[in-house]
Amino acid sequence: PCCTDYIWNEEMGKCVRCMAGFYGVNCTKTCRYPSYGTDCQQKCYCAEYQCHVIIGCVDIGSGKMTVEFPTSNFLLGCIVCLLLVLVIFKVIKLIPSYRGYYEIRQKLNRQSTQRRYDSINVDVRSPTDTVLQNSLEEQERNDDSV
């Protein structure tokens, strides 16, 4: 009743993925050389007689076992992920500092504009006030001359 690449596990009471080195309906097939491991996704770089379907290359003559790891792809993936995380972190850090810079710049512009307006002195008296002021000044001059 399980899907391809799964097998029924009595203890767990459910279908589980095939063990490393096996695949197919009820996990009845073994990885074909040079493939080995989970989902047969790893590759042996040794003679066929030395490639074990579960653990990869085995040095049969010396009794030693050497397991290969897909280092180049794995390391490249890790480096790319690390660089991506660093770029995202840097962008997140720069956004608040840019906002702060933008706010300070706006505040300085407002202060500069305010200073310009503060330095302008405009006589805002109405024309009638000016006429009245002139006539008062003229009258004072006349009074002084008498």
N, C-alpha and C. Protein backbone atom coordinates (compact mmCIF):
# COMPACT_ATOMS: atom_id res chain seq x y z
N PRO A 1 0.80 -1.21 0.00
CA PRO A 1 0.00 0.00 0.00
C PRO A 1 0.85 1.28 0.00
N CYS A 2 2.18 1.18 0.04
CA CYS A 2 3.04 2.37 0.11
C CYS A 2 3.40 2.86 -1.29
N CYS A 3 3.75 4.13 -1.37
CA CYS A 3 4.21 4.74 -2.63
C CYS A 3 5.59 4.21 -2.99
N THR A 4 6.01 4.50 -4.23
CA THR A 4 7.35 4.13 -4.67
C THR A 4 8.37 4.82 -3.78
N ASP A 5 9.46 4.14 -3.48
CA ASP A 5 10.55 4.60 -2.61
C ASP A 5 10.15 4.66 -1.14
N TYR A 6 9.07 3.95 -0.78
CA TYR A 6 8.63 3.83 0.61
C TYR A 6 8.35 2.36 0.91
N ILE A 7 8.43 2.01 2.18
CA ILE A 7 8.14 0.64 2.63
C ILE A 7 7.36 0.72 3.94
N TRP A 8 6.50 -0.28 4.17
CA TRP A 8 5.67 -0.29 5.38
C TRP A 8 6.52 -0.66 6.58
N ASN A 9 6.40 0.14 7.66
CA ASN A 9 7.11 -0.13 8.91
C ASN A 9 6.07 -0.56 9.94
N GLU A 10 6.13 -1.83 10.35
CA GLU A 10 5.15 -2.38 11.30
C GLU A 10 5.19 -1.67 12.64
N GLU A 11 6.39 -1.42 13.17
CA GLU A 11 6.53 -0.78 14.49
C GLU A 11 5.90 0.60 14.51
N MET A 12 6.14 1.38 13.45
CA MET A 12 5.61 2.75 13.39
C MET A 12 4.19 2.78 12.87
N GLY A 13 3.79 1.74 12.17
CA GLY A 13 2.43 1.69 11.64
C GLY A 13 2.22 2.65 10.48
N LYS A 14 3.28 2.88 9.70
CA LYS A 14 3.15 3.79 8.55
C LYS A 14 4.25 3.51 7.54
N CYS A 15 4.10 4.10 6.36
CA CYS A 15 5.11 3.97 5.32
C CYS A 15 6.29 4.89 5.63
N VAL A 16 7.50 4.39 5.44
CA VAL A 16 8.71 5.19 5.66
C VAL A 16 9.58 5.12 4.40
N ARG A 17 10.46 6.12 4.24
CA ARG A 17 11.35 6.17 3.07
C ARG A 17 12.28 4.97 3.06
N CYS A 18 12.70 4.62 1.88
CA CYS A 18 13.66 3.52 1.74
C CYS A 18 14.96 3.86 2.46
N MET A 19 15.60 2.82 2.97
CA MET A 19 16.89 2.97 3.60
C MET A 19 17.91 3.37 2.53
N ALA A 20 18.98 4.05 2.93
CA ALA A 20 20.02 4.45 1.99
C ALA A 20 20.48 3.23 1.20
N GLY A 21 20.65 3.40 -0.12
CA GLY A 21 21.12 2.32 -0.98
C GLY A 21 20.00 1.55 -1.67
N PHE A 22 18.75 1.83 -1.30
CA PHE A 22 17.61 1.11 -1.87
C PHE A 22 16.57 2.08 -2.41
N TYR A 23 15.77 1.60 -3.38
CA TYR A 23 14.72 2.43 -3.95
C TYR A 23 13.67 1.52 -4.59
N GLY A 24 12.61 2.13 -5.13
CA GLY A 24 11.58 1.40 -5.87
C GLY A 24 10.42 0.97 -5.00
N VAL A 25 9.52 0.17 -5.59
CA VAL A 25 8.34 -0.33 -4.88
C VAL A 25 8.82 -1.25 -3.76
N ASN A 26 8.39 -0.95 -2.55
CA ASN A 26 8.79 -1.69 -1.34
C ASN A 26 10.31 -1.76 -1.15
N CYS A 27 11.03 -0.82 -1.76
CA CYS A 27 12.49 -0.69 -1.59
C CYS A 27 13.22 -1.98 -1.97
N THR A 28 12.81 -2.61 -3.05
CA THR A 28 13.39 -3.89 -3.46
C THR A 28 14.60 -3.75 -4.37
N LYS A 29 14.87 -2.58 -4.90
CA LYS A 29 16.00 -2.40 -5.82
C LYS A 29 17.14 -1.70 -5.09
N THR A 30 18.38 -2.06 -5.49
CA THR A 30 19.55 -1.38 -4.92
C THR A 30 20.07 -0.37 -5.93
N CYS A 31 20.78 0.62 -5.42
CA CYS A 31 21.35 1.66 -6.29
C CYS A 31 22.27 1.01 -7.32
N ARG A 32 22.27 1.54 -8.54
CA ARG A 32 23.15 1.05 -9.60
C ARG A 32 24.46 1.84 -9.57
N TYR A 33 25.55 1.15 -9.83
CA TYR A 33 26.86 1.80 -9.87
C TYR A 33 26.83 2.93 -10.89
N PRO A 34 27.37 4.08 -10.62
CA PRO A 34 28.21 4.50 -9.49
C PRO A 34 27.42 5.18 -8.37
N SER A 35 26.10 5.03 -8.37
CA SER A 35 25.28 5.70 -7.35
C SER A 35 25.22 4.91 -6.06
N TYR A 36 25.03 5.63 -4.95
CA TYR A 36 24.84 4.99 -3.65
C TYR A 36 24.15 5.99 -2.72
N GLY A 37 23.78 5.54 -1.53
CA GLY A 37 23.24 6.41 -0.49
C GLY A 37 21.76 6.67 -0.60
N THR A 38 21.27 7.64 0.17
CA THR A 38 19.86 8.00 0.20
C THR A 38 19.40 8.45 -1.17
N ASP A 39 18.33 7.86 -1.64
CA ASP A 39 17.76 8.14 -2.97
C ASP A 39 18.78 7.93 -4.09
N CYS A 40 19.86 7.20 -3.81
CA CYS A 40 20.93 6.92 -4.80
C CYS A 40 21.46 8.23 -5.40
N GLN A 41 21.55 9.27 -4.58
CA GLN A 41 21.94 10.59 -5.07
C GLN A 41 23.44 10.86 -4.98
N GLN A 42 24.19 10.00 -4.28
CA GLN A 42 25.63 10.21 -4.18
C GLN A 42 26.34 9.33 -5.21
N LYS A 43 27.59 9.68 -5.51
CA LYS A 43 28.31 9.00 -6.59
C LYS A 43 29.64 8.45 -6.09
N CYS A 44 29.90 7.18 -6.41
CA CYS A 44 31.19 6.56 -6.06
C CYS A 44 32.24 6.98 -7.08
N TYR A 45 33.43 7.30 -6.59
CA TYR A 45 34.57 7.59 -7.46
C TYR A 45 35.64 6.52 -7.23
N CYS A 46 35.21 5.28 -7.41
CA CYS A 46 36.11 4.14 -7.24
C CYS A 46 35.61 3.03 -8.16
N ALA A 47 36.31 1.92 -8.18
CA ALA A 47 35.90 0.79 -9.03
C ALA A 47 34.55 0.25 -8.55
N GLU A 48 33.82 -0.37 -9.48
CA GLU A 48 32.48 -0.86 -9.17
C GLU A 48 32.50 -1.86 -8.01
N TYR A 49 33.51 -2.73 -7.97
CA TYR A 49 33.55 -3.74 -6.90
C TYR A 49 33.82 -3.12 -5.53
N GLN A 50 34.30 -1.86 -5.50
CA GLN A 50 34.55 -1.18 -4.23
C GLN A 50 33.39 -0.29 -3.80
N CYS A 51 32.40 -0.10 -4.65
CA CYS A 51 31.29 0.82 -4.36
C CYS A 51 30.17 0.09 -3.63
N HIS A 52 29.98 0.42 -2.38
CA HIS A 52 28.91 -0.17 -1.56
C HIS A 52 27.66 0.68 -1.72
N VAL A 53 26.49 0.05 -1.87
CA VAL A 53 25.25 0.79 -2.15
C VAL A 53 24.83 1.72 -1.02
N ILE A 54 25.27 1.44 0.20
CA ILE A 54 24.86 2.27 1.35
C ILE A 54 25.91 3.32 1.69
N ILE A 55 27.19 2.94 1.76
CA ILE A 55 28.22 3.84 2.28
C ILE A 55 29.21 4.35 1.25
N GLY A 56 29.15 3.89 0.01
CA GLY A 56 30.07 4.37 -1.01
C GLY A 56 31.32 3.53 -1.12
N CYS A 57 32.45 4.17 -1.44
CA CYS A 57 33.70 3.45 -1.71
C CYS A 57 34.26 2.76 -0.47
N VAL A 58 34.63 1.49 -0.66
CA VAL A 58 35.21 0.70 0.42
C VAL A 58 36.51 0.11 -0.11
N ASP A 59 37.60 0.27 0.67
CA ASP A 59 38.89 -0.30 0.28
C ASP A 59 38.92 -1.74 0.79
N ILE A 60 38.54 -2.67 -0.06
CA ILE A 60 38.38 -4.07 0.35
C ILE A 60 39.71 -4.73 0.70
N GLY A 61 40.77 -4.46 -0.07
CA GLY A 61 42.06 -5.12 0.13
C GLY A 61 42.67 -4.85 1.50
N SER A 62 42.57 -3.64 2.01
CA SER A 62 43.24 -3.29 3.27
C SER A 62 42.32 -3.46 4.47
N GLY A 63 41.07 -3.74 4.24
CA GLY A 63 40.13 -3.85 5.35
C GLY A 63 39.66 -2.48 5.84
N LYS A 64 40.14 -1.42 5.18
CA LYS A 64 39.72 -0.06 5.56
C LYS A 64 38.49 0.33 4.78
N MET A 65 37.72 1.18 5.37
CA MET A 65 36.52 1.66 4.70
C MET A 65 36.64 3.18 4.59
N THR A 66 36.53 3.69 3.39
CA THR A 66 36.56 5.14 3.21
C THR A 66 35.23 5.58 2.63
N VAL A 67 34.57 6.42 3.36
CA VAL A 67 33.27 6.91 2.92
C VAL A 67 33.48 8.25 2.25
N GLU A 68 32.93 8.41 1.07
CA GLU A 68 33.06 9.66 0.33
C GLU A 68 31.87 10.57 0.64
N PHE A 69 32.15 11.83 0.71
CA PHE A 69 31.09 12.83 0.89
C PHE A 69 31.13 13.77 -0.30
N PRO A 70 29.98 14.19 -0.76
CA PRO A 70 29.95 15.11 -1.90
C PRO A 70 30.38 16.50 -1.48
N THR A 71 31.69 16.66 -1.22
CA THR A 71 32.18 17.89 -0.62
C THR A 71 32.04 19.12 -1.51
N SER A 72 32.36 19.00 -2.79
CA SER A 72 32.37 20.20 -3.62
C SER A 72 30.99 20.83 -3.73
N ASN A 73 29.96 20.04 -4.02
CA ASN A 73 28.61 20.60 -4.11
C ASN A 73 28.11 21.08 -2.76
N PHE A 74 28.39 20.31 -1.73
CA PHE A 74 27.94 20.67 -0.39
C PHE A 74 28.58 21.98 0.06
N LEU A 75 29.90 22.08 -0.11
CA LEU A 75 30.60 23.30 0.30
C LEU A 75 30.14 24.51 -0.51
N LEU A 76 29.96 24.32 -1.80
CA LEU A 76 29.49 25.42 -2.63
C LEU A 76 28.12 25.90 -2.17
N GLY A 77 27.23 24.96 -1.87
CA GLY A 77 25.90 25.31 -1.37
C GLY A 77 25.97 26.06 -0.06
N CYS A 78 26.84 25.61 0.85
CA CYS A 78 27.00 26.28 2.15
C CYS A 78 27.53 27.70 1.97
N ILE A 79 28.51 27.87 1.10
CA ILE A 79 29.10 29.19 0.87
C ILE A 79 28.06 30.14 0.27
N VAL A 80 27.30 29.65 -0.70
CA VAL A 80 26.26 30.50 -1.32
C VAL A 80 25.22 30.90 -0.28
N CYS A 81 24.78 29.95 0.55
CA CYS A 81 23.80 30.27 1.60
C CYS A 81 24.36 31.28 2.59
N LEU A 82 25.60 31.10 2.99
CA LEU A 82 26.23 32.03 3.93
C LEU A 82 26.32 33.43 3.34
N LEU A 83 26.73 33.53 2.08
CA LEU A 83 26.80 34.84 1.43
C LEU A 83 25.43 35.49 1.33
N LEU A 84 24.43 34.70 1.01
CA LEU A 84 23.06 35.21 0.92
C LEU A 84 22.59 35.75 2.26
N VAL A 85 22.87 35.02 3.34
CA VAL A 85 22.49 35.47 4.68
C VAL A 85 23.21 36.77 5.02
N LEU A 86 24.50 36.87 4.68
CA LEU A 86 25.26 38.08 4.97
C LEU A 86 24.71 39.29 4.20
N VAL A 87 24.36 39.09 2.93
CA VAL A 87 23.81 40.18 2.13
C VAL A 87 22.48 40.64 2.72
N ILE A 88 21.62 39.70 3.07
CA ILE A 88 20.31 40.05 3.66
C ILE A 88 20.52 40.79 4.97
N PHE A 89 21.44 40.32 5.81
CA PHE A 89 21.72 40.97 7.08
C PHE A 89 22.21 42.41 6.86
N LYS A 90 23.10 42.59 5.90
CA LYS A 90 23.65 43.93 5.61
C LYS A 90 22.56 44.87 5.12
N VAL A 91 21.68 44.38 4.25
CA VAL A 91 20.58 45.21 3.73
C VAL A 91 19.66 45.61 4.87
N ILE A 92 19.34 44.67 5.75
CA ILE A 92 18.46 44.97 6.88
C ILE A 92 19.11 46.00 7.79
N LYS A 93 20.44 45.92 7.97
CA LYS A 93 21.14 46.90 8.80
C LYS A 93 21.18 48.28 8.15
N LEU A 94 21.30 48.34 6.82
CA LEU A 94 21.42 49.62 6.12
C LEU A 94 20.11 50.37 6.06
N ILE A 95 19.00 49.69 6.01
CA ILE A 95 17.70 50.37 5.89
C ILE A 95 17.46 51.33 7.04
N PRO A 96 17.61 50.91 8.32
CA PRO A 96 17.39 51.87 9.41
C PRO A 96 18.39 53.03 9.38
N SER A 97 19.65 52.79 9.03
CA SER A 97 20.62 53.88 9.02
C SER A 97 20.29 54.87 7.91
N TYR A 98 19.77 54.39 6.77
CA TYR A 98 19.37 55.30 5.70
C TYR A 98 18.18 56.13 6.16
N ARG A 99 17.22 55.49 6.85
CA ARG A 99 16.07 56.24 7.35
C ARG A 99 16.52 57.33 8.31
N GLY A 100 17.46 57.00 9.20
CA GLY A 100 17.98 57.98 10.14
C GLY A 100 18.65 59.13 9.42
N TYR A 101 19.45 58.82 8.41
CA TYR A 101 20.13 59.84 7.62
C TYR A 101 19.10 60.73 6.93
N TYR A 102 18.06 60.13 6.36
CA TYR A 102 17.02 60.87 5.66
C TYR A 102 16.27 61.79 6.63
N GLU A 103 15.96 61.30 7.83
CA GLU A 103 15.25 62.13 8.82
C GLU A 103 16.12 63.30 9.28
N ILE A 104 17.41 63.06 9.52
CA ILE A 104 18.32 64.14 9.93
C ILE A 104 18.41 65.18 8.82
N ARG A 105 18.50 64.72 7.58
CA ARG A 105 18.59 65.65 6.46
C ARG A 105 17.34 66.52 6.36
N GLN A 106 16.17 65.91 6.55
CA GLN A 106 14.93 66.68 6.51
C GLN A 106 14.89 67.71 7.64
N LYS A 107 15.32 67.30 8.83
CA LYS A 107 15.31 68.21 9.98
C LYS A 107 16.25 69.40 9.73
N LEU A 108 17.44 69.12 9.18
CA LEU A 108 18.38 70.20 8.89
C LEU A 108 17.82 71.15 7.83
N ASN A 109 17.15 70.62 6.82
CA ASN A 109 16.53 71.46 5.80
C ASN A 109 15.45 72.36 6.41
N ARG A 110 14.64 71.79 7.32
CA ARG A 110 13.60 72.60 7.98
C ARG A 110 14.22 73.71 8.81
N GLN A 111 15.30 73.37 9.56
CA GLN A 111 15.96 74.38 10.38
C GLN A 111 16.57 75.48 9.51
N SER A 112 17.19 75.10 8.42
CA SER A 112 17.80 76.06 7.52
C SER A 112 16.74 76.99 6.92
N THR A 113 15.63 76.41 6.51
CA THR A 113 14.54 77.21 5.95
C THR A 113 13.98 78.15 7.01
N GLN A 114 13.83 77.66 8.24
CA GLN A 114 13.30 78.49 9.32
C GLN A 114 14.24 79.67 9.59
N ARG A 115 15.58 79.41 9.59
CA ARG A 115 16.53 80.50 9.82
C ARG A 115 16.42 81.55 8.73
N ARG A 116 16.22 81.11 7.49
CA ARG A 116 16.10 82.07 6.39
C ARG A 116 14.89 82.97 6.61
N TYR A 117 13.77 82.38 7.01
CA TYR A 117 12.56 83.18 7.23
C TYR A 117 12.69 84.06 8.47
N ASP A 118 13.41 83.59 9.49
CA ASP A 118 13.60 84.39 10.70
C ASP A 118 14.42 85.64 10.40
N SER A 119 15.34 85.56 9.44
CA SER A 119 16.21 86.70 9.15
C SER A 119 15.54 87.74 8.27
N ILE A 120 14.37 87.46 7.74
CA ILE A 120 13.67 88.42 6.89
C ILE A 120 12.77 89.29 7.76
N ASN A 121 12.99 90.60 7.70
CA ASN A 121 12.14 91.55 8.44
C ASN A 121 11.27 92.28 7.44
N VAL A 122 10.01 92.10 7.56
CA VAL A 122 9.09 92.72 6.63
C VAL A 122 8.19 93.67 7.41
N ASP A 123 8.02 94.86 6.86
CA ASP A 123 7.11 95.82 7.46
C ASP A 123 5.71 95.46 6.99
N VAL A 124 4.90 95.03 7.92
CA VAL A 124 3.57 94.55 7.54
C VAL A 124 2.48 95.54 7.91
N ARG A 125 2.86 96.80 8.02
CA ARG A 125 1.82 97.80 8.32
C ARG A 125 1.00 98.08 7.08
N SER A 126 -0.23 98.43 7.29
CA SER A 126 -1.11 98.73 6.16
C SER A 126 -0.79 100.11 5.62
N PRO A 127 -1.18 100.40 4.40
CA PRO A 127 -0.91 101.71 3.80
C PRO A 127 -1.50 102.86 4.61
N THR A 128 -2.63 102.64 5.24
CA THR A 128 -3.23 103.73 6.04
C THR A 128 -2.37 104.01 7.26
N ASP A 129 -1.75 102.96 7.83
CA ASP A 129 -0.85 103.17 8.97
C ASP A 129 0.35 104.00 8.54
N THR A 130 0.86 103.75 7.36
CA THR A 130 2.01 104.49 6.85
C THR A 130 1.65 105.95 6.63
N VAL A 131 0.49 106.21 6.07
CA VAL A 131 0.04 107.59 5.83
C VAL A 131 -0.12 108.30 7.17
N LEU A 132 -0.72 107.63 8.14
CA LEU A 132 -0.92 108.21 9.46
C LEU A 132 0.42 108.51 10.11
N GLN A 133 1.36 107.57 10.02
CA GLN A 133 2.69 107.76 10.59
C GLN A 133 3.39 108.95 9.95
N ASN A 134 3.30 109.07 8.63
CA ASN A 134 3.93 110.19 7.92
C ASN A 134 3.32 111.52 8.35
N SER A 135 2.02 111.56 8.50
CA SER A 135 1.38 112.81 8.89
C SER A 135 1.75 113.18 10.32
N LEU A 136 1.89 112.18 11.20
CA LEU A 136 2.30 112.46 12.58
C LEU A 136 3.72 113.01 12.61
N GLU A 137 4.58 112.42 11.81
CA GLU A 137 5.97 112.88 11.76
C GLU A 137 6.03 114.31 11.21
N GLU A 138 5.20 114.62 10.24
CA GLU A 138 5.18 115.95 9.66
C GLU A 138 4.67 116.97 10.68
N GLN A 139 3.67 116.56 11.42
CA GLN A 139 3.12 117.45 12.43
C GLN A 139 4.15 117.73 13.52
N GLU A 140 4.93 116.71 13.91
CA GLU A 140 5.96 116.90 14.92
C GLU A 140 7.02 117.87 14.42
N ARG A 141 7.38 117.77 13.17
CA ARG A 141 8.38 118.67 12.61
C ARG A 141 7.85 120.11 12.62
N ASN A 142 6.59 120.24 12.30
CA ASN A 142 6.00 121.57 12.30
C ASN A 142 5.95 122.15 13.71
N ASP A 143 5.64 121.30 14.68
CA ASP A 143 5.59 121.76 16.07
C ASP A 143 6.98 122.16 16.55
N ASP A 144 7.98 121.46 16.09
CA ASP A 144 9.35 121.76 16.50
C ASP A 144 9.83 123.08 15.90
N SER A 145 9.35 123.39 14.74
CA SER A 145 9.81 124.60 14.08
C SER A 145 9.13 125.84 14.66
N VAL A 146 8.06 125.72 15.32
CA VAL A 146 7.35 126.87 15.86
C VAL A 146 7.90 127.31 17.16
